């Protein structure tokens, strides 16, 4: 009481609560009841909170899982659709490709384009962002309660003017680098096809007749080499199934179990050439084809396993997404509600260039390697089947040519001179 009176008289004085004796404290039973009630309420609140958080996390997790699943399906479809780009042109295909109606055809099939379907998610992101910005700016101008909020529109185009050329250079250089990789891959596959034909031609021409079994072995393993290249560069290819009917079961088993099938095939070919008993210069020429095969396989592995520097790819993606994120804020001042449509078109064009570069970066999955293997097999088998016919035709032509030469040479080389002491017309002819 004295302390309270002192505090009323002098408010500046510090009020010190006296320490109560143990008799003034709550009884143990009462303290237990209050503590138990508080604990129970706390547990109930905690359970409700956990339940709400669990439901919220479940919704978020389910939403993210649905998005991820959708993206995974889209990525799977994207990878599966690459096989449909393995186009081999014919004369009719080139005529259609050069047709003036290609513009109408390409625009009509825009929504069915694989590029558009692959880019649907980032394009929708730009569209939603543009709609949100346009809605916010419109409500800020029409509602007085939002007038104090800042505008998100960018009044100056200088930031985009200063960065657009850098973005263009990144996209163009990346696309050119990807196309160069695709062109190199196609040249390497062409060199393998050309080398297979040349190797078989040399074997059919230079191998002796008694080495026919070596010629047949070289034919089978040359065909197998192109198939091992396909299995080496395609994920979905099955080497064991492709080699059925070409190699013997024991040969297939040894080839499949080898660590590097293309090198195994080249070793078999080199051994067959070495056992043919040809002159050294011919062996060296055939071995040069095998060395070219080795270089081609190594170059294909380099393209397959070493992408364009990842820093380049990441920075291009980040630069592009950041640029497109702030694009609607720049367009709003001049374009108004046309901003979403313009932003979507610009996003499609720029993202499409980047997507083309990414698609061409690994070119083997879009190149018709199976068609090259079929062509190599058909050419090699045709060369082997026609070998005897060509030899017979050349021998017959050589025999006819030799006969004609002998007939033409007879009047010139058969000169008659009269013998001494004999009358004219009775001398022996001297050739």
Protein backbone atom coordinates (compact mmCIF):
# COMPACT_ATOMS: atom_id res chain seq x y z
CA UNK A 1 0.00 0.00 0.00
CA UNK A 2 2.81 2.37 0.82
CA UNK A 3 4.43 1.68 -2.52
CA UNK A 4 1.19 2.40 -4.39
CA UNK A 5 0.70 5.65 -2.48
CA UNK A 6 4.26 6.64 -3.30
CA UNK A 7 3.64 5.94 -6.97
CA UNK A 8 0.48 8.05 -6.98
CA UNK A 9 2.33 10.96 -5.41
CA UNK A 10 5.37 10.61 -7.59
CA UNK A 11 4.66 8.89 -10.92
CA UNK A 12 8.32 9.12 -11.89
CA UNK A 13 9.22 6.77 -9.11
CA UNK A 14 9.85 3.17 -10.10
CA UNK A 15 7.15 0.82 -8.98
CA UNK A 16 8.69 -2.26 -7.50
CA UNK A 17 6.31 -5.11 -6.87
CA UNK A 18 7.04 -6.81 -3.61
CA UNK A 19 7.76 -10.47 -3.70
CA UNK A 20 4.73 -12.36 -2.51
CA UNK A 21 5.13 -15.04 0.06
CA UNK A 22 4.42 -18.65 -0.89
CA UNK A 23 1.04 -18.47 0.78
CA UNK A 24 -0.20 -15.97 -1.80
CA UNK A 25 0.59 -18.20 -4.75
CA UNK A 26 -1.96 -20.39 -6.51
CA UNK A 27 -2.77 -23.66 -5.01
CA UNK A 28 -1.15 -26.65 -6.77
CA UNK A 29 -4.49 -28.08 -7.95
CA UNK A 30 -5.64 -24.77 -9.37
CA UNK A 31 -2.28 -24.25 -11.03
CA UNK A 32 -2.47 -27.74 -12.54
CA UNK A 33 -5.99 -27.12 -13.91
CA UNK A 34 -4.96 -23.84 -15.54
CA UNK A 35 -1.81 -25.38 -16.94
CA UNK A 36 -3.74 -28.39 -18.28
CA UNK A 37 -6.37 -26.16 -19.89
CA UNK A 38 -3.72 -23.96 -21.48
CA UNK A 39 -1.88 -27.01 -22.79
CA UNK A 40 -5.08 -28.46 -24.21
CA UNK A 41 -5.99 -25.20 -25.96
CA UNK A 42 -2.46 -24.94 -27.30
CA UNK A 43 -2.59 -28.48 -28.65
CA UNK A 44 -5.97 -27.85 -30.30
CA UNK A 45 -4.69 -24.67 -31.91
CA UNK A 46 -1.54 -26.42 -33.00
CA UNK A 47 -3.54 -29.28 -34.52
CA UNK A 48 -5.83 -26.88 -36.41
CA UNK A 49 -2.83 -24.90 -37.60
CA UNK A 50 -1.04 -28.04 -38.69
CA UNK A 51 -4.15 -29.23 -40.47
CA UNK A 52 -4.49 -25.94 -42.32
CA UNK A 53 -0.83 -25.92 -43.17
CA UNK A 54 -1.05 -29.53 -44.29
CA UNK A 55 -4.03 -28.75 -46.52
CA UNK A 56 -2.27 -25.67 -47.87
CA UNK A 57 0.95 -27.56 -48.46
CA UNK A 58 -1.01 -30.40 -50.06
CA UNK A 59 -2.69 -27.97 -52.43
CA UNK A 60 0.60 -26.30 -53.25
CA UNK A 61 2.38 -29.61 -53.62
CA UNK A 62 -0.41 -30.99 -55.78
CA UNK A 63 -0.39 -27.87 -57.91
CA UNK A 64 3.37 -28.00 -58.32
CA UNK A 65 3.19 -31.73 -58.97
CA UNK A 66 0.57 -31.16 -61.65
CA UNK A 67 2.72 -28.48 -63.24
CA UNK A 68 5.78 -30.70 -63.07
CA UNK A 69 3.85 -33.63 -64.48
CA UNK A 70 2.56 -31.45 -67.26
CA UNK A 71 6.05 -30.24 -68.01
CA UNK A 72 7.45 -33.77 -67.88
CA UNK A 73 4.82 -35.01 -70.31
CA UNK A 74 5.51 -32.10 -72.57
CA UNK A 75 9.23 -32.74 -72.45
CA UNK A 76 8.64 -36.43 -73.22
CA UNK A 77 6.45 -35.52 -76.17
CA UNK A 78 9.09 -33.08 -77.30
CA UNK A 79 11.79 -35.73 -77.22
CA UNK A 80 9.58 -38.30 -78.94
CA UNK A 81 8.67 -35.84 -81.68
CA UNK A 82 12.31 -35.44 -82.71
CA UNK A 83 12.13 -38.71 -84.63
CA UNK A 84 9.53 -37.16 -86.96
CA UNK A 85 12.03 -34.54 -88.09
CA UNK A 86 14.27 -37.12 -89.78
CA UNK A 87 13.17 -36.12 -93.24
CA UNK A 88 14.83 -37.40 -96.40
CA UNK A 89 13.89 -35.24 -99.37
CA UNK A 90 12.98 -36.57 -102.79
CA UNK A 91 12.32 -34.64 -105.99
CA UNK A 92 8.67 -34.21 -105.03
CA UNK A 93 9.69 -33.08 -101.58
CA UNK A 94 11.94 -30.38 -103.02
CA UNK A 95 9.18 -29.17 -105.31
CA UNK A 96 6.82 -28.82 -102.36
CA UNK A 97 9.56 -27.16 -100.34
CA UNK A 98 10.07 -24.49 -103.03
CA UNK A 99 6.36 -23.95 -103.63
CA UNK A 100 5.12 -20.37 -103.31
CA UNK A 101 2.19 -21.69 -101.27
CA UNK A 102 4.56 -22.56 -98.43
CA UNK A 103 3.78 -19.26 -96.68
CA UNK A 104 0.07 -20.03 -96.44
CA UNK A 105 0.76 -23.63 -95.46
CA UNK A 106 3.18 -22.63 -92.70
CA UNK A 107 0.84 -20.00 -91.25
CA UNK A 108 -2.18 -22.32 -91.31
CA UNK A 109 -0.23 -24.97 -89.40
CA UNK A 110 1.12 -22.49 -86.85
CA UNK A 111 -0.85 -23.85 -83.90
CA UNK A 112 0.22 -27.40 -84.78
CA UNK A 113 3.87 -26.42 -84.84
CA UNK A 114 6.09 -28.34 -82.45
CA UNK A 115 7.96 -25.13 -81.69
CA UNK A 116 4.74 -23.43 -80.55
CA UNK A 117 3.69 -26.41 -78.46
CA UNK A 118 7.09 -26.62 -76.81
CA UNK A 119 7.09 -22.89 -76.03
CA UNK A 120 3.52 -22.75 -74.74
CA UNK A 121 4.56 -22.41 -71.08
CA UNK A 122 6.93 -19.40 -71.44
CA UNK A 123 4.53 -17.78 -73.92
CA UNK A 124 1.69 -18.14 -71.40
CA UNK A 125 3.95 -16.64 -68.75
CA UNK A 126 4.51 -13.54 -70.86
CA UNK A 127 0.79 -13.34 -71.69
CA UNK A 128 -0.32 -13.56 -68.04
CA UNK A 129 2.31 -11.05 -66.99
CA UNK A 130 1.10 -8.62 -69.66
CA UNK A 131 -2.55 -9.03 -68.64
CA UNK A 132 -1.74 -8.44 -64.98
CA UNK A 133 0.20 -5.29 -65.77
CA UNK A 134 -2.53 -3.93 -68.07
CA UNK A 135 -5.21 -4.65 -65.46
CA UNK A 136 -3.20 -2.98 -62.71
CA UNK A 137 -2.49 0.14 -64.76
CA UNK A 138 -6.14 0.42 -65.82
CA UNK A 139 -7.46 0.07 -62.26
CA UNK A 140 -4.87 2.50 -60.96
CA UNK A 141 -6.13 5.16 -63.33
CA UNK A 142 -9.85 4.53 -62.74
CA UNK A 143 -9.99 3.84 -58.99
CA UNK A 144 -9.17 6.63 -56.58
CA UNK A 145 -8.09 4.20 -53.87
CA UNK A 146 -5.28 2.95 -56.12
CA UNK A 147 -4.14 6.35 -57.33
CA UNK A 148 -1.43 6.50 -54.70
CA UNK A 149 0.13 3.25 -55.90
CA UNK A 150 3.16 3.63 -58.18
CA UNK A 151 2.97 2.97 -61.90
CA UNK A 152 4.76 -0.10 -63.25
CA UNK A 153 5.07 1.28 -66.76
CA UNK A 154 8.50 2.28 -68.02
CA UNK A 155 8.41 5.63 -69.77
CA UNK A 156 11.75 5.31 -71.55
CA UNK A 157 12.71 2.74 -74.18
CA UNK A 158 16.41 3.30 -73.64
CA UNK A 159 17.04 0.15 -71.54
CA UNK A 160 15.55 -2.09 -74.23
CA UNK A 161 17.25 -0.21 -77.04
CA UNK A 162 20.62 -0.65 -75.34
CA UNK A 163 20.17 -4.37 -74.65
CA UNK A 164 18.29 -5.59 -77.72
CA UNK A 165 21.41 -5.77 -79.88
CA UNK A 166 23.23 -7.85 -77.25
CA UNK A 167 20.29 -10.26 -77.06
CA UNK A 168 20.22 -10.52 -80.86
CA UNK A 169 23.93 -11.33 -80.97
CA UNK A 170 23.56 -14.02 -78.33
CA UNK A 171 20.66 -15.68 -80.16
CA UNK A 172 22.26 -15.46 -83.62
CA UNK A 173 25.67 -16.72 -82.53
CA UNK A 174 24.11 -19.59 -80.62
CA UNK A 175 21.93 -20.62 -83.56
CA UNK A 176 24.90 -20.45 -85.93
CA UNK A 177 27.01 -22.58 -83.57
CA UNK A 178 24.23 -25.16 -83.33
CA UNK A 179 23.80 -25.27 -87.11
CA UNK A 180 27.56 -25.72 -87.53
CA UNK A 181 27.40 -28.75 -85.21
CA UNK A 182 24.48 -30.16 -87.22
CA UNK A 183 26.33 -29.64 -90.50
CA UNK A 184 29.47 -31.30 -89.15
CA UNK A 185 27.43 -34.28 -87.95
CA UNK A 186 25.83 -34.70 -91.37
CA UNK A 187 29.22 -34.53 -93.09
CA UNK A 188 30.62 -37.17 -90.73
CA UNK A 189 27.74 -39.53 -91.44
CA UNK A 190 28.20 -38.93 -95.16
CA UNK A 191 31.90 -39.74 -94.88
CA UNK A 192 31.04 -43.03 -93.13
CA UNK A 193 28.65 -43.94 -95.95
CA UNK A 194 31.21 -43.01 -98.60
CA UNK A 195 33.99 -44.90 -96.82
CA UNK A 196 31.83 -48.04 -96.53
CA UNK A 197 31.20 -48.04 -100.27
CA UNK A 198 34.86 -47.43 -101.06
CA UNK A 199 36.06 -50.15 -98.68
CA UNK A 200 33.73 -52.72 -100.22
CA UNK A 201 34.76 -51.71 -103.73
CA UNK A 202 38.43 -52.17 -102.88
CA UNK A 203 37.79 -55.57 -101.30
CA UNK A 204 35.80 -56.86 -104.28
CA UNK A 205 38.49 -55.64 -106.66
CA UNK A 206 41.70 -56.55 -104.84
CA UNK A 207 40.85 -59.69 -102.90
CA UNK A 208 41.90 -62.90 -104.62
CA UNK A 209 39.35 -65.40 -105.79
CA UNK A 210 40.42 -67.93 -103.16
CA UNK A 211 39.77 -65.29 -100.46
CA UNK A 212 36.04 -65.22 -101.12
CA UNK A 213 35.28 -66.05 -97.49
CA UNK A 214 37.22 -62.96 -96.39
CA UNK A 215 35.29 -60.85 -98.88
CA UNK A 216 31.99 -62.16 -97.51
CA UNK A 217 33.15 -61.49 -93.94
CA UNK A 218 34.18 -57.95 -94.82
CA UNK A 219 30.80 -57.35 -96.44
CA UNK A 220 28.88 -58.43 -93.33
CA UNK A 221 31.03 -56.44 -90.92
CA UNK A 222 31.01 -53.31 -93.08
CA UNK A 223 27.22 -53.35 -92.93
CA UNK A 224 27.44 -53.97 -89.19
CA UNK A 225 29.67 -50.92 -88.76
CA UNK A 226 26.98 -48.49 -89.92
CA UNK A 227 24.47 -50.18 -87.59
CA UNK A 228 26.84 -49.87 -84.63
CA UNK A 229 27.13 -46.15 -85.40
CA UNK A 230 23.34 -45.83 -85.26
CA UNK A 231 23.18 -47.67 -81.93
CA UNK A 232 26.06 -45.55 -80.64
CA UNK A 233 24.34 -42.25 -81.48
CA UNK A 234 20.65 -43.10 -80.96
CA UNK A 235 19.29 -43.80 -77.51
CA UNK A 236 16.33 -45.88 -78.74
CA UNK A 237 18.31 -48.06 -81.17
CA UNK A 238 18.82 -51.75 -80.37
CA UNK A 239 22.05 -53.12 -81.78
CA UNK A 240 21.20 -56.75 -81.13
CA UNK A 241 17.93 -56.50 -83.06
CA UNK A 242 19.49 -54.60 -85.96
CA UNK A 243 22.24 -57.18 -86.45
CA UNK A 244 19.88 -60.15 -86.73
CA UNK A 245 20.38 -61.78 -90.13
CA UNK A 246 23.64 -59.92 -90.78
CA UNK A 247 26.09 -61.43 -88.28
CA UNK A 248 26.20 -64.86 -86.73
CA UNK A 249 24.74 -65.26 -83.20
CA UNK A 250 28.19 -65.75 -81.68
CA UNK A 251 29.48 -62.66 -83.48
CA UNK A 252 26.52 -60.61 -82.27
CA UNK A 253 27.11 -61.75 -78.71
CA UNK A 254 30.79 -60.74 -78.77
CA UNK A 255 29.98 -57.41 -80.42
CA UNK A 256 27.20 -56.47 -78.00
CA UNK A 257 29.32 -57.33 -74.96
CA UNK A 258 32.23 -55.17 -76.12
CA UNK A 259 32.75 -51.82 -74.42
CA UNK A 260 33.02 -49.90 -77.70
CA UNK A 261 31.26 -51.71 -80.58
CA UNK A 262 32.49 -49.43 -83.43
CA UNK A 263 36.12 -50.06 -82.47
CA UNK A 264 35.45 -53.80 -82.24
CA UNK A 265 34.08 -53.79 -85.80
CA UNK A 266 37.10 -51.86 -87.08
CA UNK A 267 39.45 -54.40 -85.51
CA UNK A 268 37.63 -57.24 -87.28
CA UNK A 269 37.83 -55.39 -90.61
CA UNK A 270 41.54 -54.68 -90.13
CA UNK A 271 42.26 -58.35 -89.40
CA UNK A 272 40.32 -59.45 -92.49
CA UNK A 273 42.27 -57.02 -94.69
CA UNK A 274 45.57 -58.18 -93.20
CA UNK A 275 44.79 -61.84 -93.93
CA UNK A 276 43.90 -61.21 -97.57
CA UNK A 277 47.55 -61.38 -98.68
CA UNK A 278 47.45 -58.24 -100.81
CA UNK A 279 50.45 -56.06 -101.68
CA UNK A 280 51.47 -53.60 -99.01
CA UNK A 281 50.38 -50.51 -100.92
CA UNK A 282 46.83 -51.84 -101.31
CA UNK A 283 46.66 -52.77 -97.63
CA UNK A 284 47.68 -49.21 -96.73
CA UNK A 285 44.96 -47.75 -98.95
CA UNK A 286 42.27 -49.91 -97.36
CA UNK A 287 43.62 -49.15 -93.90
CA UNK A 288 43.27 -45.43 -94.67
CA UNK A 289 39.50 -45.96 -94.89
CA UNK A 290 39.53 -47.60 -91.46
CA UNK A 291 41.49 -44.66 -90.06
CA UNK A 292 38.89 -42.30 -91.53
CA UNK A 293 36.18 -44.37 -89.82
CA UNK A 294 37.99 -43.98 -86.49
CA UNK A 295 38.25 -40.21 -86.91
CA UNK A 296 34.56 -39.97 -87.84
CA UNK A 297 33.47 -41.97 -84.78
CA UNK A 298 35.62 -39.80 -82.50
CA UNK A 299 34.19 -36.61 -83.98
CA UNK A 300 30.62 -37.90 -83.60
CA UNK A 301 31.30 -38.69 -79.95
CA UNK A 302 32.67 -35.19 -79.44
CA UNK A 303 29.50 -33.62 -80.83
CA UNK A 304 27.28 -35.96 -78.81
CA UNK A 305 29.02 -35.57 -75.45
CA UNK A 306 30.26 -31.97 -75.51
CA UNK A 307 27.51 -29.33 -75.84
CA UNK A 308 27.93 -25.65 -76.46
CA UNK A 309 29.42 -24.11 -73.27
CA UNK A 310 26.69 -24.24 -70.65
CA UNK A 311 27.46 -20.71 -69.45
CA UNK A 312 26.46 -19.43 -72.88
CA UNK A 313 23.19 -21.36 -72.80
CA UNK A 314 22.29 -20.31 -69.26
CA UNK A 315 23.09 -16.65 -69.78
CA UNK A 316 21.09 -16.56 -73.01
CA UNK A 317 18.06 -18.06 -71.27
CA UNK A 318 18.31 -15.70 -68.30
CA UNK A 319 18.84 -12.69 -70.53
CA UNK A 320 15.88 -13.62 -72.72
CA UNK A 321 13.46 -14.30 -69.86
CA UNK A 322 14.45 -11.09 -68.05
CA UNK A 323 14.07 -9.06 -71.23
CA UNK A 324 10.62 -10.51 -71.94
CA UNK A 325 9.54 -10.00 -68.31
CA UNK A 326 10.08 -6.24 -68.48
CA UNK A 327 8.87 -5.91 -72.09
CA UNK A 328 5.16 -5.32 -71.23
CA UNK A 329 6.10 -2.45 -68.92
CA UNK A 330 7.74 -0.69 -71.85
CA UNK A 331 4.93 -1.36 -74.33
CA UNK A 332 2.06 -0.22 -72.07
CA UNK A 333 2.64 3.52 -72.49
CA UNK A 334 2.39 3.42 -76.28
CA UNK A 335 0.36 0.28 -76.99
CA UNK A 336 -2.16 0.12 -74.14
CA UNK A 337 -4.27 -3.03 -74.17
CA UNK A 338 -2.50 -4.23 -77.31
CA UNK A 339 0.48 -4.97 -75.07
CA UNK A 340 -0.46 -8.65 -74.37
CA UNK A 341 -0.81 -9.53 -78.05
CA UNK A 342 2.39 -7.74 -79.05
CA UNK A 343 4.31 -9.26 -76.14
CA UNK A 344 3.15 -12.77 -77.05
CA UNK A 345 4.21 -12.35 -80.69
CA UNK A 346 7.63 -10.98 -79.73
CA UNK A 347 8.07 -13.76 -77.16
CA UNK A 348 7.21 -16.41 -79.74
CA UNK A 349 9.69 -15.04 -82.26
CA UNK A 350 12.61 -14.70 -79.84
CA UNK A 351 11.95 -17.90 -77.91
CA UNK A 352 11.55 -19.73 -81.23
CA UNK A 353 15.05 -18.72 -82.31
CA UNK A 354 16.48 -19.96 -79.01
CA UNK A 355 14.49 -23.20 -79.25
CA UNK A 356 15.78 -23.88 -82.77
CA UNK A 357 19.34 -23.44 -81.52
CA UNK A 358 18.75 -25.86 -78.64
CA UNK A 359 17.11 -28.40 -80.98
CA UNK A 360 20.05 -28.37 -83.40
CA UNK A 361 22.69 -28.51 -80.68
CA UNK A 362 22.41 -32.31 -80.50
CA UNK A 363 21.82 -33.15 -84.18
CA UNK A 364 21.97 -36.95 -84.27
CA UNK A 365 18.45 -37.47 -82.91
CA UNK A 366 17.02 -35.47 -85.83
CA UNK A 367 19.28 -36.85 -88.57
CA UNK A 368 18.05 -39.86 -90.61
CA UNK A 369 20.80 -42.26 -89.55
CA UNK A 370 18.51 -45.25 -90.12
CA UNK A 371 18.06 -44.20 -93.74
CA UNK A 372 21.84 -43.94 -94.16
CA UNK A 373 22.25 -47.44 -92.70
CA UNK A 374 19.65 -48.84 -95.07
CA UNK A 375 21.33 -47.10 -98.00
CA UNK A 376 24.77 -48.42 -97.01
CA UNK A 377 23.44 -51.97 -96.65
CA UNK A 378 21.64 -51.84 -99.99
CA UNK A 379 24.69 -50.46 -101.81
CA UNK A 380 27.10 -52.97 -100.28
CA UNK A 381 24.86 -55.95 -101.01
CA UNK A 382 24.31 -54.75 -104.56
CA UNK A 383 28.06 -54.39 -105.08
CA UNK A 384 28.68 -57.89 -103.75
CA UNK A 385 25.92 -59.45 -105.85
CA UNK A 386 27.05 -57.73 -109.04
CA UNK A 387 30.75 -58.46 -108.55
CA UNK A 388 30.84 -61.66 -110.64
CA UNK A 389 28.65 -60.15 -113.33
CA UNK A 390 30.93 -57.12 -113.61
CA UNK A 391 34.05 -59.31 -113.75
CA UNK A 392 32.54 -61.44 -116.51
CA UNK A 393 31.43 -58.39 -118.44
CA UNK A 394 34.89 -56.82 -118.19
CA UNK A 395 36.58 -60.09 -119.24
CA UNK A 396 34.28 -60.42 -122.24
CA UNK A 397 34.87 -56.82 -123.22
CA UNK A 398 38.62 -57.29 -122.83
CA UNK A 399 38.54 -60.43 -124.99
CA UNK A 400 36.59 -58.66 -127.72
CA UNK A 401 38.92 -55.69 -127.55
CA UNK A 402 42.00 -57.90 -127.79
CA UNK A 403 40.52 -59.69 -130.81
CA UNK A 404 39.80 -56.42 -132.56
CA UNK A 405 43.29 -55.16 -131.84
CA UNK A 406 44.86 -58.32 -133.25
CA UNK A 407 42.79 -58.04 -136.40
CA UNK A 408 43.72 -54.39 -136.87
CA UNK A 409 47.39 -55.10 -136.27
CA UNK A 410 47.70 -57.97 -138.80
CA UNK A 411 47.97 -55.90 -142.04
CA UNK A 412 50.52 -53.56 -140.52
CA UNK A 413 52.84 -56.10 -138.92
CA UNK A 414 52.57 -58.95 -141.52
CA UNK A 415 55.08 -57.83 -144.22
CA UNK A 416 56.22 -60.34 -147.03
CA UNK A 417 59.69 -60.18 -148.47
CA UNK A 418 60.85 -62.38 -151.48
CA UNK A 419 63.60 -64.91 -150.71
CA UNK A 420 66.93 -64.74 -152.49
CA UNK A 421 67.21 -66.92 -155.52
CA UNK A 422 63.51 -67.53 -155.79
CA UNK A 423 61.13 -66.02 -158.25
CA UNK A 424 58.80 -63.32 -157.08
CA UNK A 425 55.70 -64.62 -155.38
CA UNK A 426 57.37 -67.78 -154.12
CA UNK A 427 59.31 -66.31 -151.18
CA UNK A 428 58.59 -67.15 -147.54
CA UNK A 429 56.84 -64.50 -145.55
CA UNK A 430 58.85 -63.00 -142.70
CA UNK A 431 56.92 -61.49 -139.85
